[in-house]
Amino acid sequence: MARPSKPLISRSAVVKAALKIVDRDGLNKLSLKRLASEVGVHESSIYYHYRYKHDILADALRHVLSDLKVGEVDRSDWKAYLFESALPYYRALAKHPEMVAVLMKETPRSFGLDFENQTAGVLLDAGFEPHIALAVREQLEALTNGALQFAERRLFKDVPESLPQLRKIVAEKQISPEERFRMSLRAYIDGLQIQLDERAATGSP
């Protein structure tokens, strides 16, 4: 289908409308036809900016993460840096949980590289060997994305009375998803400190 000579809507409007559909109805409900209907234009107006749904989702993801800026977190303390930079990342995606699946498909990563470069510098300055620094960054993302995927899920339901210990902990008031993430993040970072100290003491690469 031919594109219109002039766009009736902006690229930004397309992205925001796509994000609205995804947040409200889920990833599977997004289509170019549905998107055109959402913004009240013909599909050709969508085609003016995008031909593929994947490209719209990639830009929607960039929009979600656009507020994460380089240099806004103190770099002098690597533990504080990892903790304080992970929280905005978690919160941005927690507002749009369907986008986590999109993020996990965006590999190799082609955006946010300035921030990744900053993080690499912090880890190298802290004494992490390059291959360890890369593993730290990869596992930090795995921890964050896992926390986001399980944020609103419960592992156990209708525990039988024959399992009293499990039944007791399931019955307790649940802490919030962000509190659970904070707890896991602190444990991960503290564990990294222990390993860093051990490597320094033994001279292990």
Protein backbone atom coordinates (compact mmCIF):
# COMPACT_ATOMS: atom_id res chain seq x y z
CA MET A 1 0.00 0.00 0.00
CA ALA A 2 1.36 3.42 -0.93
CA ARG A 3 2.30 5.79 1.83
CA PRO A 4 0.54 9.16 2.05
CA SER A 5 2.57 12.11 0.79
CA LYS A 6 2.39 13.75 4.22
CA PRO A 7 2.03 12.06 7.60
CA LEU A 8 -1.31 12.54 9.37
CA ILE A 9 0.22 11.53 12.71
CA SER A 10 3.71 11.73 14.12
CA ARG A 11 6.08 8.83 14.75
CA SER A 12 5.86 9.61 18.45
CA ALA A 13 2.06 9.36 18.36
CA VAL A 14 2.33 5.92 16.77
CA VAL A 15 4.72 4.73 19.47
CA LYS A 16 2.60 6.07 22.32
CA ALA A 17 -0.55 4.53 20.86
CA ALA A 18 1.22 1.18 20.46
CA LEU A 19 2.36 1.31 24.06
CA LYS A 20 -1.19 2.07 25.18
CA ILE A 21 -2.51 -1.00 23.36
CA VAL A 22 0.24 -3.23 24.73
CA ASP A 23 -0.27 -2.02 28.30
CA ARG A 24 -4.03 -2.41 28.10
CA ASP A 25 -4.49 -5.52 25.98
CA GLY A 26 -1.12 -7.30 25.76
CA LEU A 27 1.56 -7.77 23.11
CA ASN A 28 -0.46 -10.25 21.08
CA LYS A 29 -3.21 -7.71 20.49
CA LEU A 30 -0.95 -5.20 18.76
CA SER A 31 -1.27 -5.06 14.98
CA LEU A 32 -0.91 -2.31 12.42
CA LYS A 33 -4.66 -2.49 11.77
CA ARG A 34 -5.46 -2.22 15.49
CA LEU A 35 -2.97 0.61 15.85
CA ALA A 36 -4.51 2.57 12.98
CA SER A 37 -7.93 2.15 14.56
CA GLU A 38 -6.59 3.32 17.94
CA VAL A 39 -5.33 6.63 16.54
CA GLY A 40 -8.19 7.07 14.05
CA VAL A 41 -6.25 6.95 10.79
CA HIS A 42 -5.92 4.65 7.79
CA GLU A 43 -3.25 1.95 7.94
CA SER A 44 -1.30 3.82 5.28
CA SER A 45 -0.58 6.53 7.85
CA ILE A 46 1.08 3.92 10.05
CA TYR A 47 3.02 2.62 7.05
CA TYR A 48 4.35 6.14 6.50
CA HIS A 49 6.49 5.63 9.61
CA TYR A 50 6.64 1.86 10.10
CA ARG A 51 6.24 -1.27 8.00
CA TYR A 52 6.84 -3.84 10.73
CA LYS A 53 5.41 -4.31 14.21
CA HIS A 54 8.85 -5.23 15.54
CA ASP A 55 10.18 -1.77 14.71
CA ILE A 56 7.27 -0.11 16.50
CA LEU A 57 7.88 -2.22 19.60
CA ALA A 58 11.60 -1.46 19.52
CA ASP A 59 10.86 2.27 19.51
CA ALA A 60 8.23 1.80 22.22
CA LEU A 61 10.89 0.14 24.35
CA ARG A 62 13.29 3.01 23.72
CA HIS A 63 10.51 5.39 24.78
CA VAL A 64 9.96 3.46 28.03
CA LEU A 65 13.66 3.61 28.87
CA SER A 66 14.28 7.12 27.53
CA ASP A 67 14.43 8.74 30.97
CA LEU A 68 17.47 6.68 32.00
CA LYS A 69 20.36 9.09 31.55
CA VAL A 70 24.12 8.77 31.65
CA GLY A 71 25.89 10.46 34.52
CA GLU A 72 22.91 10.90 36.85
CA VAL A 73 24.13 8.35 39.44
CA ASP A 74 27.21 8.71 41.65
CA ARG A 75 30.01 6.60 40.18
CA SER A 76 32.34 6.75 43.18
CA ASP A 77 30.74 3.78 44.98
CA TRP A 78 30.17 0.84 42.65
CA LYS A 79 27.72 -0.89 45.01
CA ALA A 80 25.60 2.23 45.35
CA TYR A 81 25.87 2.80 41.60
CA LEU A 82 24.52 -0.64 40.70
CA PHE A 83 21.71 -0.36 43.22
CA GLU A 84 20.66 3.19 42.35
CA SER A 85 20.87 2.67 38.59
CA ALA A 86 18.93 -0.61 38.68
CA LEU A 87 15.94 0.89 40.49
CA PRO A 88 14.90 3.41 37.78
CA TYR A 89 15.34 0.65 35.18
CA TYR A 90 13.07 -1.64 37.20
CA ARG A 91 10.48 1.07 37.82
CA ALA A 92 10.35 2.15 34.18
CA LEU A 93 9.61 -1.39 33.03
CA ALA A 94 7.29 -2.13 35.96
CA LYS A 95 4.94 0.50 34.50
CA HIS A 96 4.91 -1.44 31.21
CA PRO A 97 5.45 -5.11 32.15
CA GLU A 98 4.55 -6.42 28.69
CA MET A 99 7.66 -4.68 27.36
CA VAL A 100 9.96 -6.99 29.30
CA ALA A 101 9.46 -9.66 26.64
CA VAL A 102 10.39 -7.10 23.97
CA LEU A 103 13.53 -6.13 25.89
CA MET A 104 14.65 -9.75 26.17
CA LYS A 105 14.44 -10.13 22.39
CA GLU A 106 16.45 -6.95 21.75
CA THR A 107 19.81 -8.69 21.68
CA PRO A 108 22.43 -7.90 20.72
CA ARG A 109 21.62 -4.54 22.29
CA SER A 110 21.75 -1.56 19.95
CA PHE A 111 20.52 1.21 22.26
CA GLY A 112 21.50 2.62 25.65
CA LEU A 113 25.15 1.89 24.93
CA ASP A 114 26.37 5.13 26.52
CA PHE A 115 24.85 4.05 29.80
CA GLU A 116 26.29 0.55 29.39
CA ASN A 117 29.71 2.08 28.76
CA GLN A 118 29.40 4.06 31.96
CA THR A 119 28.47 0.93 33.90
CA ALA A 120 31.41 -0.95 32.40
CA GLY A 121 33.72 1.85 33.53
CA VAL A 122 32.36 1.75 37.08
CA LEU A 123 32.90 -2.00 37.33
CA LEU A 124 36.39 -1.88 35.84
CA ASP A 125 37.38 0.97 38.19
CA ALA A 126 36.08 -1.11 41.11
CA GLY A 127 38.58 -3.85 40.27
CA PHE A 128 36.44 -6.33 38.36
CA GLU A 129 38.24 -8.12 35.54
CA PRO A 130 36.65 -7.40 32.14
CA HIS A 131 35.10 -10.86 31.74
CA ILE A 132 33.72 -10.71 35.29
CA ALA A 133 32.35 -7.20 34.72
CA LEU A 134 30.45 -8.47 31.66
CA ALA A 135 29.03 -11.39 33.65
CA VAL A 136 27.98 -9.00 36.42
CA ARG A 137 26.11 -6.81 33.95
CA GLU A 138 24.42 -9.75 32.25
CA GLN A 139 23.32 -11.34 35.53
CA LEU A 140 22.09 -8.00 36.85
CA GLU A 141 19.77 -7.77 33.85
CA ALA A 142 18.66 -11.38 34.36
CA LEU A 143 17.86 -10.61 38.00
CA THR A 144 15.91 -7.48 37.10
CA ASN A 145 13.97 -9.03 34.24
CA GLY A 146 13.16 -12.08 36.32
CA ALA A 147 11.85 -9.89 39.11
CA LEU A 148 9.68 -8.01 36.63
CA GLN A 149 8.26 -11.19 35.11
CA PHE A 150 7.31 -12.58 38.53
CA ALA A 151 6.21 -9.27 40.04
CA GLU A 152 2.49 -10.09 40.09
CA ARG A 153 2.70 -13.88 40.15
CA ARG A 154 2.34 -16.14 43.14
CA LEU A 155 4.25 -19.40 43.19
CA PHE A 156 1.87 -21.18 45.56
CA LYS A 157 -1.91 -21.38 45.85
CA ASP A 158 -4.24 -23.53 47.92
CA VAL A 159 -1.46 -25.21 49.90
CA PRO A 160 -2.85 -28.31 51.66
CA GLU A 161 -2.92 -28.54 55.46
CA SER A 162 -0.47 -31.43 55.29
CA LEU A 163 2.28 -28.90 54.45
CA PRO A 164 2.08 -26.58 57.49
CA GLN A 165 5.40 -24.78 57.10
CA LEU A 166 4.77 -23.85 53.47
CA ARG A 167 1.17 -23.01 54.31
CA LYS A 168 2.35 -20.63 57.04
CA ILE A 169 4.68 -18.58 54.88
CA VAL A 170 2.19 -18.42 52.01
CA ALA A 171 -0.48 -17.15 54.39
CA GLU A 172 1.69 -14.24 55.52
CA LYS A 173 1.26 -10.79 54.02
CA GLN A 174 3.34 -10.52 50.85
CA ILE A 175 5.91 -7.76 50.51
CA SER A 176 5.60 -5.58 47.42
CA PRO A 177 7.28 -6.54 44.14
CA GLU A 178 9.70 -3.62 44.42
CA GLU A 179 10.60 -4.56 47.99
CA ARG A 180 11.33 -8.11 46.82
CA PHE A 181 13.49 -6.72 44.03
CA ARG A 182 15.38 -4.47 46.45
CA MET A 183 16.03 -7.43 48.74
CA SER A 184 17.33 -9.61 45.89
CA LEU A 185 19.39 -6.77 44.44
CA ARG A 186 21.11 -6.06 47.76
CA ALA A 187 21.87 -9.76 48.23
CA TYR A 188 23.35 -9.94 44.74
CA ILE A 189 25.52 -6.86 45.18
CA ASP A 190 26.71 -7.94 48.63
CA GLY A 191 27.64 -11.30 47.15
CA LEU A 192 29.66 -9.56 44.45
CA GLN A 193 31.58 -7.67 47.14
CA ILE A 194 32.47 -10.95 48.84
CA GLN A 195 33.71 -12.42 45.56
CA LEU A 196 35.65 -9.27 44.72
CA ASP A 197 37.38 -9.39 48.09
CA GLU A 198 38.19 -13.08 47.67
CA ARG A 199 39.69 -12.49 44.24
CA ALA A 200 41.78 -9.63 45.55
CA ALA A 201 43.04 -11.78 48.44
CA THR A 202 43.98 -14.76 46.27
CA GLY A 203 44.97 -12.91 43.12
CA SER A 204 42.46 -14.93 41.09
CA PRO A 205 41.58 -13.56 37.64
